[in-house]
Amino acid sequence: MEFSDRVLKCCDCGAEFVFTAGEQLFFHDKQFKNEPKHCKQCKAKRVRGGSRVRPETRTNCSQCGAETTVPFKPTQGRPVLCRSCFQQAQGKPQPVPEIAAESLAIPEPS
């Protein structure tokens, strides 16, 4: 089978990159069905753990009604919990807020 270089567009940054004949042969030999979607720079950024942008959605907690943000888009019919309600549901203790040192001081007996 004959392959020739093709120009593709990166779905992350929009830059054009070349999908070489050798890369196409490799994809064919490995029986990969999809073409690459990311340029080499964006792929390298993903591999070394570049920050992914998660959609933050503002919503109200289904249990206590407090306004909260969640890192996903809520779907109909599924409850959305704030951090404290979620941790209670998981059975994990909530982190205790730090208290000022002077409020912990024990008064000296007179």
Protein backbone atom coordinates (compact mmCIF):
# COMPACT_ATOMS: atom_id res chain seq x y z
CA MET A 1 0.00 0.00 0.00
CA GLU A 2 1.34 3.44 -0.96
CA PHE A 3 1.26 6.32 1.55
CA SER A 4 2.01 10.00 1.05
CA ASP A 5 2.45 12.85 3.55
CA ARG A 6 -0.81 14.48 4.62
CA VAL A 7 -1.46 17.76 6.42
CA LEU A 8 -3.79 17.48 9.44
CA LYS A 9 -5.09 20.07 11.92
CA CYS A 10 -4.46 19.76 15.68
CA CYS A 11 -7.71 19.65 17.66
CA ASP A 12 -6.06 21.38 20.67
CA CYS A 13 -4.17 24.35 19.22
CA GLY A 14 -5.49 24.40 15.64
CA ALA A 15 -2.00 24.26 14.10
CA GLU A 16 -1.40 22.22 10.98
CA PHE A 17 1.01 19.29 11.20
CA VAL A 18 2.29 16.67 8.78
CA PHE A 19 1.15 13.06 9.12
CA THR A 20 4.12 11.50 7.32
CA ALA A 21 4.02 8.44 5.09
CA GLY A 22 6.17 6.58 7.64
CA GLU A 23 3.74 7.41 10.45
CA GLN A 24 0.84 6.28 8.27
CA LEU A 25 2.63 2.99 7.59
CA PHE A 26 3.18 2.55 11.35
CA PHE A 27 -0.53 3.25 12.02
CA HIS A 28 -1.48 0.77 9.28
CA ASP A 29 0.86 -1.94 10.63
CA LYS A 30 -0.53 -1.49 14.16
CA GLN A 31 -4.07 -1.51 12.73
CA PHE A 32 -4.90 1.87 14.26
CA LYS A 33 -8.23 3.06 12.88
CA ASN A 34 -8.03 6.79 13.74
CA GLU A 35 -5.64 9.43 12.49
CA PRO A 36 -3.66 11.46 15.05
CA LYS A 37 -5.60 14.42 16.42
CA HIS A 38 -2.76 16.30 18.17
CA CYS A 39 0.45 17.87 16.88
CA LYS A 40 3.75 16.74 18.45
CA GLN A 41 3.92 19.75 20.79
CA CYS A 42 0.40 19.24 22.16
CA LYS A 43 0.94 15.49 22.46
CA ALA A 44 4.17 16.10 24.43
CA LYS A 45 2.33 18.57 26.67
CA ARG A 46 -0.36 15.96 27.40
CA VAL A 47 2.24 13.26 28.14
CA ARG A 48 4.16 15.36 30.66
CA GLY A 49 0.94 16.28 32.42
CA GLY A 50 0.01 19.65 31.03
CA SER A 51 -2.98 21.07 32.84
CA ARG A 52 -6.25 20.06 31.31
CA VAL A 53 -9.02 22.58 31.39
CA ARG A 54 -12.05 21.15 33.11
CA PRO A 55 -15.41 22.81 32.71
CA GLU A 56 -16.44 24.26 36.07
CA THR A 57 -20.22 24.35 36.40
CA ARG A 58 -22.05 26.33 39.09
CA THR A 59 -24.96 24.43 40.59
CA ASN A 60 -26.82 23.85 43.87
CA CYS A 61 -26.21 20.85 46.12
CA SER A 62 -29.08 18.35 45.89
CA GLN A 63 -28.80 17.56 49.60
CA CYS A 64 -28.25 20.87 51.46
CA GLY A 65 -29.06 23.40 48.70
CA ALA A 66 -25.74 25.28 49.01
CA GLU A 67 -24.29 26.83 45.85
CA THR A 68 -21.21 24.92 44.66
CA THR A 69 -19.05 24.33 41.60
CA VAL A 70 -18.39 20.92 40.09
CA PRO A 71 -15.79 19.84 37.48
CA PHE A 72 -18.40 18.31 35.15
CA LYS A 73 -21.72 19.09 33.51
CA PRO A 74 -24.52 17.65 35.67
CA THR A 75 -27.00 15.36 33.92
CA GLN A 76 -30.74 15.27 34.53
CA GLY A 77 -31.96 12.95 37.24
CA ARG A 78 -28.60 12.53 39.01
CA PRO A 79 -27.94 14.26 42.35
CA VAL A 80 -25.07 16.76 42.60
CA LEU A 81 -23.44 17.12 46.00
CA CYS A 82 -21.21 19.83 47.45
CA ARG A 83 -17.85 18.76 48.90
CA SER A 84 -19.06 18.35 52.49
CA CYS A 85 -22.21 16.38 51.54
CA PHE A 86 -20.15 14.21 49.18
CA GLN A 87 -17.61 13.45 51.92
CA GLN A 88 -20.44 12.62 54.36
CA ALA A 89 -21.96 10.27 51.78
CA GLN A 90 -18.56 8.60 51.31
CA GLY A 91 -18.14 8.22 55.07
CA LYS A 92 -15.00 10.36 55.16
CA PRO A 93 -14.44 12.84 57.95
CA GLN A 94 -14.56 16.49 56.97
CA PRO A 95 -11.39 18.52 57.39
CA VAL A 96 -11.49 20.60 60.56
CA PRO A 97 -11.04 24.34 59.94
CA GLU A 98 -7.97 25.84 61.60
CA ILE A 99 -8.70 27.67 64.85
CA ALA A 100 -6.75 30.72 65.98
CA ALA A 101 -4.04 29.85 68.55
CA GLU A 102 -5.34 32.36 71.15
CA SER A 103 -8.73 30.63 71.23
CA LEU A 104 -6.97 27.39 72.18
CA ALA A 105 -5.15 28.95 75.13
CA ILE A 106 -6.27 27.51 78.47
CA PRO A 107 -6.81 30.18 81.13
CA GLU A 108 -4.47 30.01 84.15
CA PRO A 109 -6.24 29.10 87.41
CA SER A 110 -6.34 32.07 89.82
